[in-house]
Amino acid sequence: MNPTILFLIAVSAAAVLCGVAYAVMGKGGRLARFEADRPPLDLPEGRGLSSADIGRLTLPLALWGYHVRGVDEVLRRVSAALNDRDEHIAELERRLAEAPTTGGPRVLYPRTPPGGEPLGAGRNGEEAERGHHPGAAD
């Protein structure tokens, strides 16, 4: 081999080595950071998670095991959903504890038999006292 060619190869190798060292030390600018590719998660974005969403979910696989960033995102979303649900349950329990209690149950519907008068409404309540019901045989 010609000594001139060997010298040019050595100089170009040294130039490449110096360039790489210069870039690695941060003086040649910064390299752009790219996020690793991973398949999108099949989770809803605009609402909270439900048990059906978690049941349908398949975690993304990597070369060895599961894709770490994908699993971390799933765990973060499930944790947020559980925190929201716990806060909602605590708020409902607080509201239930603060609710005024009455002596008896509240009646939320009219107590009338189908097609008849309200119970105990006939002749000043006499029928209700005797156990007589409207429409019953005497």
N, C-alpha and C. Protein backbone atom coordinates (compact mmCIF):
# COMPACT_ATOMS: atom_id res chain seq x y z
N MET A 1 0.83 -1.17 0.00
CA MET A 1 0.00 0.00 0.00
C MET A 1 0.87 1.24 0.00
N ASN A 2 0.39 2.21 -0.63
CA ASN A 2 1.08 3.48 -0.75
C ASN A 2 1.04 4.21 0.59
N PRO A 3 2.15 4.74 1.08
CA PRO A 3 2.16 5.44 2.36
C PRO A 3 1.27 6.69 2.35
N THR A 4 1.06 7.29 1.23
CA THR A 4 0.18 8.46 1.16
C THR A 4 -1.27 8.07 1.45
N ILE A 5 -1.68 6.97 0.91
CA ILE A 5 -3.06 6.50 1.15
C ILE A 5 -3.21 6.13 2.62
N LEU A 6 -2.25 5.45 3.21
CA LEU A 6 -2.33 5.11 4.63
C LEU A 6 -2.39 6.36 5.49
N PHE A 7 -1.63 7.37 5.13
CA PHE A 7 -1.65 8.63 5.87
C PHE A 7 -3.01 9.30 5.76
N LEU A 8 -3.63 9.33 4.57
CA LEU A 8 -4.95 9.94 4.39
C LEU A 8 -6.03 9.17 5.16
N ILE A 9 -5.94 7.86 5.18
CA ILE A 9 -6.91 7.05 5.94
C ILE A 9 -6.76 7.34 7.44
N ALA A 10 -5.54 7.44 7.93
CA ALA A 10 -5.31 7.73 9.35
C ALA A 10 -5.81 9.11 9.71
N VAL A 11 -5.57 10.11 8.85
CA VAL A 11 -6.02 11.48 9.13
C VAL A 11 -7.55 11.54 9.11
N SER A 12 -8.18 10.89 8.14
CA SER A 12 -9.65 10.92 8.09
C SER A 12 -10.24 10.17 9.28
N ALA A 13 -9.66 9.07 9.70
CA ALA A 13 -10.15 8.36 10.89
C ALA A 13 -10.01 9.22 12.13
N ALA A 14 -8.89 9.92 12.26
CA ALA A 14 -8.69 10.81 13.41
C ALA A 14 -9.69 11.96 13.38
N ALA A 15 -10.01 12.49 12.19
CA ALA A 15 -10.97 13.58 12.06
C ALA A 15 -12.37 13.11 12.47
N VAL A 16 -12.75 11.92 12.04
CA VAL A 16 -14.06 11.37 12.41
C VAL A 16 -14.11 11.13 13.91
N LEU A 17 -13.06 10.59 14.48
CA LEU A 17 -13.00 10.35 15.91
C LEU A 17 -13.11 11.65 16.71
N CYS A 18 -12.41 12.67 16.26
CA CYS A 18 -12.48 13.98 16.94
C CYS A 18 -13.87 14.58 16.81
N GLY A 19 -14.47 14.45 15.64
CA GLY A 19 -15.84 14.96 15.44
C GLY A 19 -16.85 14.27 16.34
N VAL A 20 -16.74 12.98 16.46
CA VAL A 20 -17.65 12.22 17.34
C VAL A 20 -17.43 12.63 18.79
N ALA A 21 -16.18 12.75 19.22
CA ALA A 21 -15.88 13.15 20.59
C ALA A 21 -16.42 14.55 20.86
N TYR A 22 -16.29 15.45 19.90
CA TYR A 22 -16.79 16.82 20.03
C TYR A 22 -18.31 16.83 20.20
N ALA A 23 -19.00 16.01 19.40
CA ALA A 23 -20.47 15.93 19.47
C ALA A 23 -20.92 15.28 20.77
N VAL A 24 -20.22 14.25 21.22
CA VAL A 24 -20.60 13.55 22.45
C VAL A 24 -20.44 14.46 23.66
N MET A 25 -19.47 15.32 23.63
CA MET A 25 -19.24 16.23 24.76
C MET A 25 -20.29 17.35 24.80
N GLY A 26 -21.17 17.41 23.81
CA GLY A 26 -22.24 18.40 23.83
C GLY A 26 -21.88 19.70 23.15
N LYS A 27 -20.77 19.78 22.49
CA LYS A 27 -20.36 21.03 21.89
C LYS A 27 -20.82 21.14 20.44
N GLY A 28 -21.34 20.09 19.89
CA GLY A 28 -21.78 20.13 18.50
C GLY A 28 -23.28 20.30 18.38
N GLY A 29 -23.94 20.70 19.45
CA GLY A 29 -25.40 20.81 19.45
C GLY A 29 -26.00 19.58 20.11
N ARG A 30 -27.27 19.60 20.26
CA ARG A 30 -27.94 18.48 20.91
C ARG A 30 -28.65 17.62 19.88
N LEU A 31 -28.65 16.36 20.15
CA LEU A 31 -29.40 15.45 19.31
C LEU A 31 -30.87 15.52 19.68
N ALA A 32 -31.73 15.39 18.69
CA ALA A 32 -33.17 15.41 18.95
C ALA A 32 -33.55 14.14 19.70
N ARG A 33 -34.43 14.30 20.66
CA ARG A 33 -34.87 13.14 21.43
C ARG A 33 -36.19 12.65 20.86
N PHE A 34 -36.25 11.40 20.53
CA PHE A 34 -37.45 10.79 19.99
C PHE A 34 -38.01 9.80 20.99
N GLU A 35 -39.32 9.80 21.10
CA GLU A 35 -39.98 8.82 21.96
C GLU A 35 -39.93 7.46 21.26
N ALA A 36 -39.80 6.43 22.04
CA ALA A 36 -39.79 5.09 21.48
C ALA A 36 -41.17 4.76 20.91
N ASP A 37 -41.17 4.05 19.81
CA ASP A 37 -42.43 3.64 19.21
C ASP A 37 -43.08 2.58 20.07
N ARG A 38 -44.38 2.68 20.18
CA ARG A 38 -45.15 1.65 20.87
C ARG A 38 -46.56 1.71 20.34
N PRO A 39 -47.26 0.62 20.36
CA PRO A 39 -48.64 0.64 19.85
C PRO A 39 -49.52 1.47 20.77
N PRO A 40 -50.53 2.14 20.20
CA PRO A 40 -51.42 2.94 21.05
C PRO A 40 -52.26 2.04 21.95
N LEU A 41 -52.57 2.56 23.12
CA LEU A 41 -53.40 1.81 24.06
C LEU A 41 -54.86 1.99 23.69
N ASP A 42 -55.62 0.94 23.83
CA ASP A 42 -57.05 0.98 23.49
C ASP A 42 -57.84 1.41 24.71
N LEU A 43 -57.61 2.67 25.15
CA LEU A 43 -58.31 3.22 26.32
C LEU A 43 -59.00 4.51 25.91
N PRO A 44 -60.18 4.80 26.48
CA PRO A 44 -60.86 6.05 26.15
C PRO A 44 -60.09 7.25 26.69
N GLU A 45 -60.10 8.34 25.95
CA GLU A 45 -59.35 9.53 26.36
C GLU A 45 -60.23 10.53 27.11
N GLY A 46 -61.47 10.68 26.72
CA GLY A 46 -62.30 11.76 27.25
C GLY A 46 -63.07 11.44 28.52
N ARG A 47 -63.01 10.22 28.98
CA ARG A 47 -63.79 9.86 30.18
C ARG A 47 -62.95 8.95 31.06
N GLY A 48 -63.48 8.64 32.22
CA GLY A 48 -62.78 7.76 33.13
C GLY A 48 -62.81 6.32 32.65
N LEU A 49 -62.03 5.50 33.28
CA LEU A 49 -61.96 4.09 32.90
C LEU A 49 -63.03 3.29 33.61
N SER A 50 -63.51 2.28 32.94
CA SER A 50 -64.46 1.36 33.55
C SER A 50 -63.83 -0.02 33.60
N SER A 51 -64.48 -0.93 34.29
CA SER A 51 -63.93 -2.29 34.38
C SER A 51 -63.94 -2.96 33.02
N ALA A 52 -64.90 -2.62 32.16
CA ALA A 52 -64.93 -3.18 30.81
C ALA A 52 -63.73 -2.71 29.99
N ASP A 53 -63.35 -1.44 30.17
CA ASP A 53 -62.17 -0.92 29.46
C ASP A 53 -60.92 -1.69 29.86
N ILE A 54 -60.76 -1.96 31.14
CA ILE A 54 -59.59 -2.67 31.63
C ILE A 54 -59.64 -4.13 31.18
N GLY A 55 -60.83 -4.72 31.15
CA GLY A 55 -60.97 -6.10 30.73
C GLY A 55 -60.62 -6.32 29.26
N ARG A 56 -60.89 -5.33 28.41
CA ARG A 56 -60.59 -5.44 26.98
C ARG A 56 -59.15 -5.10 26.65
N LEU A 57 -58.44 -4.52 27.58
CA LEU A 57 -57.10 -4.01 27.32
C LEU A 57 -56.09 -5.14 27.15
N THR A 58 -55.26 -5.03 26.13
CA THR A 58 -54.11 -5.92 25.99
C THR A 58 -52.87 -5.04 26.04
N LEU A 59 -51.97 -5.37 26.94
CA LEU A 59 -50.77 -4.56 27.13
C LEU A 59 -49.80 -4.79 25.98
N PRO A 60 -49.10 -3.73 25.55
CA PRO A 60 -48.16 -3.88 24.43
C PRO A 60 -46.93 -4.68 24.83
N LEU A 61 -46.53 -5.58 23.95
CA LEU A 61 -45.36 -6.42 24.21
C LEU A 61 -44.11 -5.80 23.61
N ALA A 62 -42.99 -6.03 24.26
CA ALA A 62 -41.69 -5.60 23.76
C ALA A 62 -40.87 -6.86 23.44
N LEU A 63 -39.63 -6.67 23.15
CA LEU A 63 -38.78 -7.80 22.81
C LEU A 63 -38.73 -8.81 23.96
N TRP A 64 -38.54 -8.35 25.19
CA TRP A 64 -38.57 -9.20 26.37
C TRP A 64 -39.63 -8.68 27.31
N GLY A 65 -40.78 -9.30 27.34
CA GLY A 65 -41.84 -8.92 28.28
C GLY A 65 -42.73 -7.82 27.73
N TYR A 66 -43.27 -7.02 28.64
CA TYR A 66 -44.19 -5.95 28.28
C TYR A 66 -43.44 -4.66 28.03
N HIS A 67 -44.03 -3.79 27.22
CA HIS A 67 -43.44 -2.49 26.93
C HIS A 67 -43.60 -1.61 28.17
N VAL A 68 -42.50 -1.17 28.73
CA VAL A 68 -42.48 -0.51 30.03
C VAL A 68 -43.31 0.78 30.01
N ARG A 69 -43.11 1.63 29.02
CA ARG A 69 -43.84 2.90 28.99
C ARG A 69 -45.34 2.68 28.82
N GLY A 70 -45.72 1.68 28.03
CA GLY A 70 -47.14 1.38 27.86
C GLY A 70 -47.78 0.92 29.15
N VAL A 71 -47.10 0.03 29.86
CA VAL A 71 -47.62 -0.47 31.13
C VAL A 71 -47.67 0.65 32.17
N ASP A 72 -46.64 1.50 32.19
CA ASP A 72 -46.64 2.63 33.12
C ASP A 72 -47.83 3.55 32.87
N GLU A 73 -48.13 3.80 31.59
CA GLU A 73 -49.27 4.66 31.28
C GLU A 73 -50.58 4.02 31.72
N VAL A 74 -50.72 2.72 31.49
CA VAL A 74 -51.94 2.02 31.93
C VAL A 74 -52.08 2.10 33.44
N LEU A 75 -51.00 1.84 34.17
CA LEU A 75 -51.07 1.90 35.63
C LEU A 75 -51.39 3.31 36.12
N ARG A 76 -50.83 4.32 35.47
CA ARG A 76 -51.12 5.71 35.84
C ARG A 76 -52.60 6.03 35.61
N ARG A 77 -53.16 5.59 34.47
CA ARG A 77 -54.57 5.86 34.17
C ARG A 77 -55.50 5.11 35.11
N VAL A 78 -55.17 3.85 35.42
CA VAL A 78 -56.00 3.07 36.35
C VAL A 78 -55.94 3.69 37.74
N SER A 79 -54.77 4.12 38.16
CA SER A 79 -54.62 4.76 39.46
C SER A 79 -55.45 6.04 39.54
N ALA A 80 -55.43 6.84 38.49
CA ALA A 80 -56.23 8.07 38.47
C ALA A 80 -57.72 7.75 38.51
N ALA A 81 -58.15 6.72 37.79
CA ALA A 81 -59.56 6.33 37.80
C ALA A 81 -59.99 5.86 39.18
N LEU A 82 -59.13 5.08 39.85
CA LEU A 82 -59.46 4.61 41.20
C LEU A 82 -59.49 5.77 42.19
N ASN A 83 -58.58 6.73 42.06
CA ASN A 83 -58.60 7.91 42.93
C ASN A 83 -59.88 8.71 42.73
N ASP A 84 -60.30 8.91 41.48
CA ASP A 84 -61.55 9.62 41.21
C ASP A 84 -62.74 8.89 41.83
N ARG A 85 -62.76 7.58 41.67
CA ARG A 85 -63.86 6.79 42.21
C ARG A 85 -63.86 6.85 43.74
N ASP A 86 -62.69 6.77 44.37
CA ASP A 86 -62.62 6.86 45.84
C ASP A 86 -63.08 8.22 46.34
N GLU A 87 -62.70 9.29 45.63
CA GLU A 87 -63.15 10.62 46.02
C GLU A 87 -64.66 10.74 45.90
N HIS A 88 -65.22 10.18 44.83
CA HIS A 88 -66.67 10.23 44.63
C HIS A 88 -67.40 9.45 45.74
N ILE A 89 -66.88 8.28 46.08
CA ILE A 89 -67.49 7.49 47.15
C ILE A 89 -67.40 8.23 48.49
N ALA A 90 -66.24 8.84 48.78
CA ALA A 90 -66.08 9.59 50.03
C ALA A 90 -67.05 10.77 50.07
N GLU A 91 -67.24 11.45 48.94
CA GLU A 91 -68.19 12.58 48.90
C GLU A 91 -69.61 12.09 49.15
N LEU A 92 -69.99 10.98 48.54
CA LEU A 92 -71.34 10.45 48.76
C LEU A 92 -71.53 10.00 50.20
N GLU A 93 -70.52 9.37 50.79
CA GLU A 93 -70.62 8.97 52.19
C GLU A 93 -70.71 10.18 53.11
N ARG A 94 -69.96 11.24 52.80
CA ARG A 94 -70.04 12.46 53.60
C ARG A 94 -71.42 13.07 53.49
N ARG A 95 -71.98 13.12 52.28
CA ARG A 95 -73.32 13.69 52.10
C ARG A 95 -74.38 12.86 52.81
N LEU A 96 -74.20 11.53 52.81
CA LEU A 96 -75.15 10.66 53.49
C LEU A 96 -75.07 10.86 55.00
N ALA A 97 -73.87 11.04 55.54
CA ALA A 97 -73.72 11.25 56.97
C ALA A 97 -74.29 12.60 57.40
N GLU A 98 -74.23 13.60 56.53
CA GLU A 98 -74.75 14.93 56.86
C GLU A 98 -76.24 15.06 56.60
N ALA A 99 -76.85 14.11 55.93
CA ALA A 99 -78.27 14.19 55.59
C ALA A 99 -79.10 14.13 56.87
N PRO A 100 -80.14 14.95 56.94
CA PRO A 100 -80.99 14.91 58.14
C PRO A 100 -81.77 13.59 58.18
N THR A 101 -81.85 13.03 59.38
CA THR A 101 -82.61 11.79 59.53
C THR A 101 -83.93 12.11 60.19
N THR A 102 -84.98 11.47 59.72
CA THR A 102 -86.32 11.66 60.29
C THR A 102 -86.68 10.41 61.07
N GLY A 103 -87.80 10.49 61.77
CA GLY A 103 -88.22 9.37 62.60
C GLY A 103 -88.57 8.13 61.80
N GLY A 104 -89.13 8.27 60.62
CA GLY A 104 -89.54 7.11 59.84
C GLY A 104 -89.09 7.25 58.40
N PRO A 105 -89.44 6.26 57.64
CA PRO A 105 -89.05 6.32 56.23
C PRO A 105 -89.86 7.36 55.47
N ARG A 106 -89.26 7.95 54.48
CA ARG A 106 -89.98 8.91 53.65
C ARG A 106 -90.76 8.15 52.61
N VAL A 107 -92.02 8.55 52.39
CA VAL A 107 -92.85 7.92 51.37
C VAL A 107 -92.74 8.77 50.12
N LEU A 108 -92.24 8.17 49.07
CA LEU A 108 -92.00 8.92 47.84
C LEU A 108 -93.06 8.63 46.78
N TYR A 109 -94.12 7.91 47.14
CA TYR A 109 -95.16 7.59 46.17
C TYR A 109 -96.50 7.64 46.90
N PRO A 110 -97.60 7.89 46.16
CA PRO A 110 -98.92 7.94 46.83
C PRO A 110 -99.34 6.54 47.26
N ARG A 111 -99.93 6.49 48.43
CA ARG A 111 -100.33 5.19 48.96
C ARG A 111 -101.81 4.96 48.71
N THR A 112 -102.18 4.81 47.46
CA THR A 112 -103.57 4.51 47.11
C THR A 112 -103.62 3.18 46.38
N PRO A 113 -104.64 2.37 46.68
CA PRO A 113 -104.78 1.13 45.93
C PRO A 113 -105.19 1.46 44.49
N PRO A 114 -104.96 0.58 43.54
CA PRO A 114 -105.34 0.87 42.17
C PRO A 114 -106.84 1.06 42.04
N GLY A 115 -107.26 2.21 41.53
CA GLY A 115 -108.67 2.52 41.30
C GLY A 115 -109.47 2.78 42.56
N GLY A 116 -108.89 3.04 43.68
CA GLY A 116 -109.65 3.25 44.90
C GLY A 116 -109.24 4.50 45.64
N GLU A 117 -109.84 4.68 46.82
CA GLU A 117 -109.50 5.82 47.66
C GLU A 117 -108.22 5.50 48.44
N PRO A 118 -107.55 6.53 48.93
CA PRO A 118 -106.39 6.27 49.78
C PRO A 118 -106.79 5.43 50.98
N LEU A 119 -105.91 4.59 51.45
CA LEU A 119 -106.21 3.74 52.60
C LEU A 119 -106.56 4.58 53.82
N GLY A 120 -107.61 4.18 54.49
CA GLY A 120 -108.02 4.88 55.70
C GLY A 120 -108.79 6.16 55.42
N ALA A 121 -109.26 6.38 54.17
CA ALA A 121 -109.93 7.63 53.85
C ALA A 121 -111.44 7.51 53.89
N GLY A 122 -111.99 6.35 54.09
CA GLY A 122 -113.44 6.19 54.07
C GLY A 122 -114.06 6.47 55.42
N ARG A 123 -115.13 7.21 55.50
CA ARG A 123 -115.94 7.55 56.68
C ARG A 123 -115.10 7.81 57.92
N ASN A 124 -114.29 8.82 57.83
CA ASN A 124 -113.47 9.27 58.94
C ASN A 124 -112.50 8.20 59.45
N GLY A 125 -112.12 7.32 58.60
CA GLY A 125 -111.11 6.33 58.97
C GLY A 125 -111.66 5.12 59.67
N GLU A 126 -113.04 4.98 59.74
CA GLU A 126 -113.63 3.84 60.46
C GLU A 126 -113.26 2.52 59.81
N GLU A 127 -113.25 2.49 58.46
CA GLU A 127 -112.99 1.24 57.77
C GLU A 127 -111.56 0.75 58.04
N ALA A 128 -110.64 1.67 58.11
CA ALA A 128 -109.26 1.28 58.36
C ALA A 128 -109.09 0.73 59.77
N GLU A 129 -109.87 1.30 60.71
CA GLU A 129 -109.76 0.83 62.09
C GLU A 129 -110.32 -0.57 62.25
N ARG A 130 -111.38 -0.88 61.49
CA ARG A 130 -112.01 -2.19 61.62
C ARG A 130 -111.32 -3.20 60.72
N GLY A 131 -110.36 -2.79 59.92
CA GLY A 131 -109.71 -3.73 59.01
C GLY A 131 -110.47 -3.89 57.72
N HIS A 132 -111.44 -3.03 57.45
CA HIS A 132 -112.24 -3.12 56.24
C HIS A 132 -111.52 -2.38 55.12
N HIS A 133 -111.49 -3.00 53.98
CA HIS A 133 -110.85 -2.38 52.83
C HIS A 133 -111.90 -2.09 51.77
N PRO A 134 -111.80 -0.96 51.10
CA PRO A 134 -112.79 -0.67 50.06
C PRO A 134 -112.78 -1.75 48.99
N GLY A 135 -113.96 -2.18 48.58
CA GLY A 135 -114.07 -3.19 47.55
C GLY A 135 -114.07 -4.60 48.09
N ALA A 136 -113.85 -4.79 49.38
CA ALA A 136 -113.85 -6.14 49.96
C ALA A 136 -115.28 -6.55 50.27
N ALA A 137 -115.56 -7.85 50.25
CA ALA A 137 -116.91 -8.36 50.53
C ALA A 137 -117.21 -8.19 52.01
N ASP A 138 -118.47 -7.79 52.31
CA ASP A 138 -118.88 -7.59 53.71
C ASP A 138 -119.35 -8.84 54.34
